[in-house]
């Protein structure tokens, strides 16, 4: 066989082998498409199976390709966390100063106390709290208890080891002439609760001034006139007066809320000033009515046509001579006289007997006939003058009914 022929056969074998190898490596999908009467067959090559992963060659650790470039590192953008950490790292000295700044701003003592009722909760020491609340002694103080790990509520009188007393008579300052052991245990009821505190009365001029006047000048209404040991702030009395008229809250519930404000966990352990409050409010009402209706300012000398000392609320629109009617109203024409008429409506009150106090038959009236109920003494004297009707006269109108009933 010639060399040329052998080369041709070898080339043919290689071509056939290449065709078979290519056919084995490639998968085909046969698809038939019907177009009218013809059938079109198409072949579509499918992807081969994925090749197995081959690990890259191990590089030399000392290769310069593994060493990052300083130029590239400087151009890389920092993350948000890295930027925040950089800012905090620069501010560590200042944050440390703020963390260690626990001294009182007034006297550089340890800050342990804060006010519950002030708008701004500033931490301070006990002495600075007393100095800043000399004119607001009923604000509650919260003192940090290191042993228990939380704030404990205190009255201002307990912030000093030797005790602190509310000073009267000198604008919150101590009396320059105090007597020995003049601190008096006292109970003050304010809008934020019941305070068991101490009070120091003024002892100037060698003798103690009237305690009632000192309390009233400090807007504290005493519960008694003889050596008072309890008082209600004017704010409490004004608040209840409005709440009672507007929301119809009772005195019992009103005082009960103050006990919960004092200690929300053990309200039953707080003393109950309800009996004293009920009596004080009766006096507060008569004082308020006397002041508002002008009796404390001599209004009787101006409105001479009204009963002297009266505490009635008159209608300002009803026509009344010498008050809101023009002069010469007597000459009003007949067809216009109806414009000057005043109408009074009277109605019987069949529940007036409920005002009698079963627990106190000798209850004292503070208005004494100057308002809507007559004076009891004058009322009983008037009843004695009225002739008493006999039984026959009382039931005279019922006789026809009794006769019909008897005949039936």
Foldseek 3Di string as FASTA:
>chain_A
DDPVVVVVVVVVVVVVVVVVVVPVQWDWDWDWDDDPPDIDIDIDTDDGDDDDDDDDDDDDPPDPVPDDDPVVVVPDDDDPVVVVVVVCVVCVVVVVVVVPCQAAPPPGHGFFKFWPPDPDTDTHALVVVCVVCLLPQQIWMWGADPVVGGTDIDGNQVRDVVGDAREWDPNSDHAPDFDPPQWDFAWEQEPQAIDGGTHGAHCPPNHTDQPQVRCVVSQWHFLDRPPGRYTYHVRLLVVVVVCCVPVVDDLQVSQLVRLCSVPVVCSVVDDRCSVSVVVVSLVVVVVVLCVVVCVVPPCCVVVVVDDPPASEDDDQPQADPPRPDDPPPVPDDPVPCVVNDGDDDDDDDPCPVVVQDPVDNPDDDPSDQRYDDHHPVVVVVVVVPDDDDDPCVVCVVVVVVVVVVVVD
